[in-house]
Structure formats: structure tokens, C-alpha cells
Amino acid sequence: MTHGFISGMTKHTIGTTMRIRDLILPEDRVFFILFSEMAATISEAATVFNEITHELPLGMEKAHRVRQIEHNGDEVTGKIYEKLNESLITPLEPEEISRLAPVLDDVLDRIDRVTHQTCTYGLAESSDVLKEFSYLILLSTTEIQHAVASLSELGKPDLVRNHAIEINRLYNLSIELQSRAVLDLFKTKDLLLIIKLKDIYEGMGSVMEKCNDVGHALNDIAMSHS
């Protein structure tokens, strides 16, 4: 009788626990959904920017698209902070959420900034450097998107770490590209073009630096949940 009573109580307790988790988990996953939405927004902006670098001197209308995408990202970031302030239970530590949200927003802000630099400086044509740099940005944001998607599988931190490692590799490539591009740029005699392109290169480099910051944040989160 005692065994049956304990068994029954255990089943009741498990059932109650599962019902409570069923109530918590949908709220719990909101952060993963919002971070994935933000990562997708970043990737969308990078895709449009990459298109622009292949279409110069055209592209001004697409710059407006990037600005709208950036506004959409601001709304997602706002939702993350609102949810953080409301939530008693979060899938990540509140400090981890507070660290990841702004660095993601920084990437989008920098893409918006360099997009408008590129479109308003009146470049007569594109170049291999602009195309390659924007492609590195696109690749990095794609890795961010995959890494953020892997966050929901906290039992598999290596998935996140592998993407963070690739983001860092792409960042190192961008440093090399920027150094070569600036050296080549100073071999030209068009002072105004030098000023414009150097500014754009620095803007692209800033995007990659922020992508790398996201990679570091994701890697640290993955390590803390190993």
C-alpha cells in the first residue's frame, strides 16, 4: 500500500511539474525567438548592402530599405528588453541577454551607417574590394544567424562555438583585406576618392568588428552552459 501511495504521489508530482513547465516554456522560448528575429534582420540588411556594392552607382533606394530594416531591428531590441524586465524565468542568464542584445543591435547600426556612406559618397563605380568586403559581412551575419539559432540547443554548446570561431576567422580576413585595400588606395592620385573609400573601408571594418563582438558574446554564453 505504501509503495503504491508513493508511486501515485510521484506520478502526481511529475505530472504537476510537467504542467508547470508547459506553462513556463512558451515564455522561456520568447528570447530565442526574438534573438533569431534580430539575427535574421541583420542578415537581411547585410544582403541588401551586398547587392548595393554590386550595383553602384545605383542603389540609393536600397539604402532606404536598409534604414527601414534598421528601424525594425530597433523594435526587436526594444521587445527583448521589455521581456527581460517582465520575465521571472529566462533561458539564459539576464546578464547574458543584456550583453547579447546590444551587440546585435550594434551590428545592424553599423551596416546602416556604412550603407549610407556608400550610397551618398557618389562613387562612380564599385570595386572588387567593396564587393569582397561586403561579402565577408554577409558571411559573418549568416554565421551569426546560425549561431543564434543554435542557442536554443544549450545541450550542444559546440554548435554555437563553431560558428563563433568562423566569425572570428572572417574578422581576421577582413583585417587583412582592409590593410591591403588601404595600401593600394594610397597608390592612387585621386585625393577625394582616397578619402571616400578609406571612410567606407573603415565603416565596413567596424561592421566586422561588431560581428566579432557578437561572436565573443555567443562563445562565452556557450561556454557558461557547457
C-alpha atoms as a PDB file:
ATOM      1  CA  MET A   1       0.000   0.000   0.000  1.00  0.00           C
ATOM      2  CA  THR A   2       2.806   2.389   0.941  1.00  0.00           C
ATOM      3  CA  HIS A   3       4.660   1.691  -2.300  1.00  0.00           C
ATOM      4  CA  GLY A   4       1.519   2.278  -4.300  1.00  0.00           C
ATOM      5  CA  PHE A   5       0.853   5.534  -2.444  1.00  0.00           C
ATOM      6  CA  ILE A   6       4.409   6.785  -3.047  1.00  0.00           C
ATOM      7  CA  SER A   7       4.232   5.725  -6.668  1.00  0.00           C
ATOM      8  CA  GLY A   8       0.979   7.528  -7.085  1.00  0.00           C
ATOM      9  CA  MET A   9       2.363  10.656  -5.409  1.00  0.00           C
ATOM     10  CA  THR A  10       5.431  10.523  -7.655  1.00  0.00           C
ATOM     11  CA  LYS A  11       3.293  10.320 -10.762  1.00  0.00           C
ATOM     12  CA  HIS A  12       1.159  13.193  -9.475  1.00  0.00           C
ATOM     13  CA  THR A  13       4.264  15.301  -8.737  1.00  0.00           C
ATOM     14  CA  ILE A  14       5.787  14.601 -12.171  1.00  0.00           C
ATOM     15  CA  GLY A  15       2.508  15.413 -13.833  1.00  0.00           C
ATOM     16  CA  THR A  16       2.238  18.682 -11.918  1.00  0.00           C
ATOM     17  CA  THR A  17       5.848  19.581 -12.756  1.00  0.00           C
ATOM     18  CA  MET A  18       5.284  18.926 -16.430  1.00  0.00           C
ATOM     19  CA  ARG A  19       2.167  21.077 -16.417  1.00  0.00           C
ATOM     20  CA  ILE A  20       4.110  23.908 -14.777  1.00  0.00           C
ATOM     21  CA  ARG A  21       6.912  23.558 -17.353  1.00  0.00           C
ATOM     22  CA  ASP A  22       4.326  23.603 -20.111  1.00  0.00           C
ATOM     23  CA  LEU A  23       3.270  26.984 -18.780  1.00  0.00           C
ATOM     24  CA  ILE A  24       6.833  28.275 -18.420  1.00  0.00           C
ATOM     25  CA  LEU A  25       8.450  27.004 -21.616  1.00  0.00           C
ATOM     26  CA  PRO A  26       6.452  29.117 -24.119  1.00  0.00           C
ATOM     27  CA  GLU A  27       7.534  32.223 -22.196  1.00  0.00           C
ATOM     28  CA  ASP A  28      11.023  30.781 -21.857  1.00  0.00           C
ATOM     29  CA  ARG A  29      11.434  30.489 -25.628  1.00  0.00           C
ATOM     30  CA  VAL A  30      10.407  34.055 -26.395  1.00  0.00           C
ATOM     31  CA  PHE A  31      14.010  35.223 -26.051  1.00  0.00           C
ATOM     32  CA  PHE A  32      15.269  32.622 -28.531  1.00  0.00           C
ATOM     33  CA  ILE A  33      12.554  33.706 -30.956  1.00  0.00           C
ATOM     34  CA  LEU A  34      13.403  37.395 -30.568  1.00  0.00           C
ATOM     35  CA  PHE A  35      17.162  36.825 -30.897  1.00  0.00           C
ATOM     36  CA  SER A  36      16.553  34.732 -34.030  1.00  0.00           C
ATOM     37  CA  GLU A  37      14.368  37.506 -35.414  1.00  0.00           C
ATOM     38  CA  MET A  38      17.115  40.043 -34.738  1.00  0.00           C
ATOM     39  CA  ALA A  39      19.758  37.849 -36.376  1.00  0.00           C
ATOM     40  CA  ALA A  40      17.543  37.414 -39.446  1.00  0.00           C
ATOM     41  CA  THR A  41      17.076  41.193 -39.612  1.00  0.00           C
ATOM     42  CA  ILE A  42      20.840  41.703 -39.533  1.00  0.00           C
ATOM     43  CA  SER A  43      21.332  39.147 -42.296  1.00  0.00           C
ATOM     44  CA  GLU A  44      18.652  40.851 -44.393  1.00  0.00           C
ATOM     45  CA  ALA A  45      20.407  44.219 -44.072  1.00  0.00           C
ATOM     46  CA  ALA A  46      23.749  42.647 -44.999  1.00  0.00           C
ATOM     47  CA  THR A  47      22.172  41.031 -48.056  1.00  0.00           C
ATOM     48  CA  VAL A  48      20.830  44.371 -49.299  1.00  0.00           C
ATOM     49  CA  PHE A  49      24.181  46.057 -48.653  1.00  0.00           C
ATOM     50  CA  ASN A  50      25.959  43.345 -50.624  1.00  0.00           C
ATOM     51  CA  GLU A  51      23.550  43.935 -53.505  1.00  0.00           C
ATOM     52  CA  ILE A  52      24.292  47.655 -53.401  1.00  0.00           C
ATOM     53  CA  THR A  53      28.054  47.119 -53.705  1.00  0.00           C
ATOM     54  CA  HIS A  54      27.401  45.121 -56.872  1.00  0.00           C
ATOM     55  CA  GLU A  55      25.105  47.761 -58.383  1.00  0.00           C
ATOM     56  CA  LEU A  56      26.972  51.033 -57.846  1.00  0.00           C
ATOM     57  CA  PRO A  57      26.492  53.809 -58.806  1.00  0.00           C
ATOM     58  CA  LEU A  58      22.854  52.774 -58.340  1.00  0.00           C
ATOM     59  CA  GLY A  59      21.400  51.712 -55.013  1.00  0.00           C
ATOM     60  CA  MET A  60      20.035  54.769 -53.202  1.00  0.00           C
ATOM     61  CA  GLU A  61      16.542  53.268 -53.000  1.00  0.00           C
ATOM     62  CA  LYS A  62      18.038  50.184 -51.383  1.00  0.00           C
ATOM     63  CA  ALA A  63      19.751  52.369 -48.799  1.00  0.00           C
ATOM     64  CA  HIS A  64      16.273  53.409 -47.680  1.00  0.00           C
ATOM     65  CA  ARG A  65      15.416  49.722 -47.343  1.00  0.00           C
ATOM     66  CA  VAL A  66      18.374  49.196 -45.033  1.00  0.00           C
ATOM     67  CA  ARG A  67      17.263  52.160 -42.920  1.00  0.00           C
ATOM     68  CA  GLN A  68      13.806  50.606 -42.563  1.00  0.00           C
ATOM     69  CA  ILE A  69      15.348  47.242 -41.660  1.00  0.00           C
ATOM     70  CA  GLU A  70      17.420  49.027 -39.008  1.00  0.00           C
ATOM     71  CA  HIS A  71      14.254  50.543 -37.533  1.00  0.00           C
ATOM     72  CA  ASN A  72      12.695  47.079 -37.454  1.00  0.00           C
ATOM     73  CA  GLY A  73      15.737  45.817 -35.579  1.00  0.00           C
ATOM     74  CA  ASP A  74      15.379  48.601 -33.015  1.00  0.00           C
ATOM     75  CA  GLU A  75      11.832  47.414 -32.350  1.00  0.00           C
ATOM     76  CA  VAL A  76      13.018  43.837 -31.805  1.00  0.00           C
ATOM     77  CA  THR A  77      15.743  45.023 -29.434  1.00  0.00           C
ATOM     78  CA  GLY A  78      13.150  47.000 -27.510  1.00  0.00           C
ATOM     79  CA  LYS A  79      10.983  43.894 -27.193  1.00  0.00           C
ATOM     80  CA  ILE A  80      13.937  41.925 -25.806  1.00  0.00           C
ATOM     81  CA  TYR A  81      14.485  44.465 -23.038  1.00  0.00           C
ATOM     82  CA  GLU A  82      10.766  44.697 -22.295  1.00  0.00           C
ATOM     83  CA  LYS A  83      10.529  40.922 -21.990  1.00  0.00           C
ATOM     84  CA  LEU A  84      13.655  40.826 -19.828  1.00  0.00           C
ATOM     85  CA  ASN A  85      12.115  43.314 -17.408  1.00  0.00           C
ATOM     86  CA  GLU A  86       8.883  41.300 -17.240  1.00  0.00           C
ATOM     87  CA  SER A  87      10.273  37.770 -17.001  1.00  0.00           C
ATOM     88  CA  LEU A  88      10.959  35.915 -13.774  1.00  0.00           C
ATOM     89  CA  ILE A  89      12.456  32.934 -15.605  1.00  0.00           C
ATOM     90  CA  THR A  90      14.811  33.258 -18.572  1.00  0.00           C
ATOM     91  CA  PRO A  91      16.566  30.557 -20.642  1.00  0.00           C
ATOM     92  CA  LEU A  92      19.862  32.452 -20.378  1.00  0.00           C
ATOM     93  CA  GLU A  93      21.231  34.482 -17.517  1.00  0.00           C
ATOM     94  CA  PRO A  94      19.813  38.040 -17.547  1.00  0.00           C
ATOM     95  CA  GLU A  95      23.391  39.348 -17.858  1.00  0.00           C
ATOM     96  CA  GLU A  96      23.895  37.210 -20.975  1.00  0.00           C
ATOM     97  CA  ILE A  97      20.720  38.557 -22.551  1.00  0.00           C
ATOM     98  CA  SER A  98      21.730  42.118 -21.632  1.00  0.00           C
ATOM     99  CA  ARG A  99      25.111  41.571 -23.276  1.00  0.00           C
ATOM    100  CA  LEU A 100      23.911  39.888 -26.470  1.00  0.00           C
ATOM    101  CA  ALA A 101      21.048  42.255 -27.323  1.00  0.00           C
ATOM    102  CA  PRO A 102      23.110  45.450 -27.679  1.00  0.00           C
ATOM    103  CA  VAL A 103      25.969  43.883 -29.644  1.00  0.00           C
ATOM    104  CA  LEU A 104      23.471  42.506 -32.154  1.00  0.00           C
ATOM    105  CA  ASP A 105      21.932  45.957 -32.406  1.00  0.00           C
ATOM    106  CA  ASP A 106      25.403  47.452 -32.925  1.00  0.00           C
ATOM    107  CA  VAL A 107      25.995  45.258 -35.984  1.00  0.00           C
ATOM    108  CA  LEU A 108      22.765  46.457 -37.570  1.00  0.00           C
ATOM    109  CA  ASP A 109      23.528  50.100 -36.759  1.00  0.00           C
ATOM    110  CA  ARG A 110      26.958  49.838 -38.381  1.00  0.00           C
ATOM    111  CA  ILE A 111      25.548  48.182 -41.507  1.00  0.00           C
ATOM    112  CA  ASP A 112      23.045  51.015 -41.821  1.00  0.00           C
ATOM    113  CA  ARG A 113      25.784  53.597 -41.358  1.00  0.00           C
ATOM    114  CA  VAL A 114      28.176  52.175 -43.951  1.00  0.00           C
ATOM    115  CA  THR A 115      25.318  51.626 -46.400  1.00  0.00           C
ATOM    116  CA  HIS A 116      24.502  55.320 -46.353  1.00  0.00           C
ATOM    117  CA  GLN A 117      28.169  56.251 -46.612  1.00  0.00           C
ATOM    118  CA  THR A 118      28.491  54.063 -49.690  1.00  0.00           C
ATOM    119  CA  CYS A 119      25.342  55.436 -51.334  1.00  0.00           C
ATOM    120  CA  THR A 120      25.834  59.138 -50.584  1.00  0.00           C
ATOM    121  CA  TYR A 121      29.519  59.482 -51.472  1.00  0.00           C
ATOM    122  CA  GLY A 122      28.730  59.441 -55.185  1.00  0.00           C
ATOM    123  CA  LEU A 123      31.088  56.645 -56.208  1.00  0.00           C
ATOM    124  CA  ALA A 124      31.256  56.323 -59.985  1.00  0.00           C
ATOM    125  CA  GLU A 125      31.605  52.545 -59.814  1.00  0.00           C
ATOM    126  CA  SER A 126      32.115  49.635 -57.487  1.00  0.00           C
ATOM    127  CA  SER A 127      35.327  47.687 -56.991  1.00  0.00           C
ATOM    128  CA  ASP A 128      36.484  44.186 -56.145  1.00  0.00           C
ATOM    129  CA  VAL A 129      37.395  45.349 -52.648  1.00  0.00           C
ATOM    130  CA  LEU A 130      33.910  46.719 -51.942  1.00  0.00           C
ATOM    131  CA  LYS A 131      32.321  43.537 -53.229  1.00  0.00           C
ATOM    132  CA  GLU A 132      34.661  41.255 -51.291  1.00  0.00           C
ATOM    133  CA  PHE A 133      34.313  43.252 -48.081  1.00  0.00           C
ATOM    134  CA  SER A 134      30.524  43.279 -48.273  1.00  0.00           C
ATOM    135  CA  TYR A 135      30.580  39.536 -48.939  1.00  0.00           C
ATOM    136  CA  LEU A 136      32.621  38.963 -45.779  1.00  0.00           C
ATOM    137  CA  ILE A 137      29.996  40.967 -43.900  1.00  0.00           C
ATOM    138  CA  LEU A 138      27.259  38.843 -45.427  1.00  0.00           C
ATOM    139  CA  LEU A 139      29.062  35.632 -44.481  1.00  0.00           C
ATOM    140  CA  SER A 140      29.580  36.862 -40.923  1.00  0.00           C
ATOM    141  CA  THR A 141      25.936  37.777 -40.454  1.00  0.00           C
ATOM    142  CA  THR A 142      24.941  34.374 -41.811  1.00  0.00           C
ATOM    143  CA  GLU A 143      27.175  32.744 -39.200  1.00  0.00           C
ATOM    144  CA  ILE A 144      25.562  34.919 -36.539  1.00  0.00           C
ATOM    145  CA  GLN A 145      22.158  33.750 -37.703  1.00  0.00           C
ATOM    146  CA  HIS A 146      23.198  30.090 -37.452  1.00  0.00           C
ATOM    147  CA  ALA A 147      24.851  30.601 -34.057  1.00  0.00           C
ATOM    148  CA  VAL A 148      21.809  32.337 -32.602  1.00  0.00           C
ATOM    149  CA  ALA A 149      19.581  29.564 -33.923  1.00  0.00           C
ATOM    150  CA  SER A 150      21.836  27.072 -32.123  1.00  0.00           C
ATOM    151  CA  LEU A 151      21.416  28.907 -28.814  1.00  0.00           C
ATOM    152  CA  SER A 152      18.149  27.096 -28.190  1.00  0.00           C
ATOM    153  CA  GLU A 153      20.109  23.838 -28.102  1.00  0.00           C
ATOM    154  CA  LEU A 154      22.058  24.647 -24.951  1.00  0.00           C
ATOM    155  CA  GLY A 155      22.874  20.976 -24.557  1.00  0.00           C
ATOM    156  CA  LYS A 156      25.045  21.316 -27.681  1.00  0.00           C
ATOM    157  CA  PRO A 157      27.295  24.326 -26.990  1.00  0.00           C
ATOM    158  CA  ASP A 158      29.827  23.209 -29.607  1.00  0.00           C
ATOM    159  CA  LEU A 159      27.343  24.225 -32.310  1.00  0.00           C
ATOM    160  CA  VAL A 160      27.445  27.809 -31.101  1.00  0.00           C
ATOM    161  CA  ARG A 161      31.215  27.781 -30.532  1.00  0.00           C
ATOM    162  CA  ASN A 162      31.927  26.525 -34.052  1.00  0.00           C
ATOM    163  CA  HIS A 163      30.015  29.437 -35.559  1.00  0.00           C
ATOM    164  CA  ALA A 164      31.773  31.869 -33.211  1.00  0.00           C
ATOM    165  CA  ILE A 165      35.139  30.522 -34.377  1.00  0.00           C
ATOM    166  CA  GLU A 166      34.128  31.062 -38.008  1.00  0.00           C
ATOM    167  CA  ILE A 167      33.007  34.620 -37.259  1.00  0.00           C
ATOM    168  CA  ASN A 168      36.445  35.305 -35.800  1.00  0.00           C
ATOM    169  CA  ARG A 169      38.154  33.764 -38.845  1.00  0.00           C
ATOM    170  CA  LEU A 170      36.147  36.016 -41.162  1.00  0.00           C
ATOM    171  CA  TYR A 171      37.000  39.013 -38.995  1.00  0.00           C
ATOM    172  CA  ASN A 172      40.713  38.264 -39.351  1.00  0.00           C
ATOM    173  CA  LEU A 173      40.292  38.022 -43.113  1.00  0.00           C
ATOM    174  CA  SER A 174      38.593  41.413 -43.113  1.00  0.00           C
ATOM    175  CA  ILE A 175      41.519  42.969 -41.230  1.00  0.00           C
ATOM    176  CA  GLU A 176      43.906  41.670 -43.874  1.00  0.00           C
ATOM    177  CA  LEU A 177      41.638  42.878 -46.680  1.00  0.00           C
ATOM    178  CA  GLN A 178      41.304  46.336 -45.187  1.00  0.00           C
ATOM    179  CA  SER A 179      45.070  46.694 -44.746  1.00  0.00           C
ATOM    180  CA  ARG A 180      45.749  45.687 -48.357  1.00  0.00           C
ATOM    181  CA  ALA A 181      42.963  47.891 -49.668  1.00  0.00           C
ATOM    182  CA  VAL A 182      44.210  50.986 -47.860  1.00  0.00           C
ATOM    183  CA  LEU A 183      47.776  50.422 -49.069  1.00  0.00           C
ATOM    184  CA  ASP A 184      46.543  50.097 -52.656  1.00  0.00           C
ATOM    185  CA  LEU A 185      44.325  53.132 -52.208  1.00  0.00           C
ATOM    186  CA  PHE A 186      47.259  55.393 -51.374  1.00  0.00           C
ATOM    187  CA  LYS A 187      48.881  54.440 -54.662  1.00  0.00           C
ATOM    188  CA  THR A 188      46.165  56.390 -56.486  1.00  0.00           C
ATOM    189  CA  LYS A 189      46.288  60.149 -57.094  1.00  0.00           C
ATOM    190  CA  ASP A 190      42.616  60.975 -56.590  1.00  0.00           C
ATOM    191  CA  LEU A 191      42.616  62.547 -53.123  1.00  0.00           C
ATOM    192  CA  LEU A 192      38.828  62.812 -52.872  1.00  0.00           C
ATOM    193  CA  LEU A 193      38.390  59.162 -53.846  1.00  0.00           C
ATOM    194  CA  ILE A 194      41.000  58.153 -51.266  1.00  0.00           C
ATOM    195  CA  ILE A 195      39.065  59.969 -48.542  1.00  0.00           C
ATOM    196  CA  LYS A 196      35.739  58.434 -49.569  1.00  0.00           C
ATOM    197  CA  LEU A 197      36.929  54.850 -49.937  1.00  0.00           C
ATOM    198  CA  LYS A 198      39.064  54.924 -46.794  1.00  0.00           C
ATOM    199  CA  ASP A 199      36.000  56.044 -44.848  1.00  0.00           C
ATOM    200  CA  ILE A 200      33.889  53.272 -46.356  1.00  0.00           C
ATOM    201  CA  TYR A 201      36.562  50.648 -45.682  1.00  0.00           C
ATOM    202  CA  GLU A 202      36.699  51.775 -42.060  1.00  0.00           C
ATOM    203  CA  GLY A 203      32.917  51.577 -41.875  1.00  0.00           C
ATOM    204  CA  MET A 204      32.972  48.026 -43.215  1.00  0.00           C
ATOM    205  CA  GLY A 205      35.753  47.146 -40.807  1.00  0.00           C
ATOM    206  CA  SER A 206      33.604  48.460 -37.969  1.00  0.00           C
ATOM    207  CA  VAL A 207      30.767  46.142 -39.031  1.00  0.00           C
ATOM    208  CA  MET A 208      33.129  43.174 -38.938  1.00  0.00           C
ATOM    209  CA  GLU A 209      34.460  44.236 -35.535  1.00  0.00           C
ATOM    210  CA  LYS A 210      30.920  44.305 -34.158  1.00  0.00           C
ATOM    211  CA  CYS A 211      30.211  40.910 -35.711  1.00  0.00           C
ATOM    212  CA  ASN A 212      33.266  39.613 -33.875  1.00  0.00           C
ATOM    213  CA  ASP A 213      31.919  41.104 -30.633  1.00  0.00           C
ATOM    214  CA  VAL A 214      28.740  39.090 -31.199  1.00  0.00           C
ATOM    215  CA  GLY A 215      30.883  36.006 -31.744  1.00  0.00           C
ATOM    216  CA  HIS A 216      32.658  36.566 -28.434  1.00  0.00           C
ATOM    217  CA  ALA A 217      29.354  37.023 -26.602  1.00  0.00           C
ATOM    218  CA  LEU A 218      27.915  33.864 -28.132  1.00  0.00           C
ATOM    219  CA  ASN A 219      31.066  31.888 -27.359  1.00  0.00           C
ATOM    220  CA  ASP A 220      31.007  32.990 -23.723  1.00  0.00           C
ATOM    221  CA  ILE A 221      27.351  32.021 -23.420  1.00  0.00           C
ATOM    222  CA  ALA A 222      28.082  28.621 -24.927  1.00  0.00           C
ATOM    223  CA  MET A 223      30.986  28.050 -22.532  1.00  0.00           C
ATOM    224  CA  SER A 224      28.927  29.009 -19.485  1.00  0.00           C
ATOM    225  CA  HIS A 225      26.292  26.435 -20.448  1.00  0.00           C
ATOM    226  CA  SER A 226      28.745  23.623 -21.228  1.00  0.00           C
END
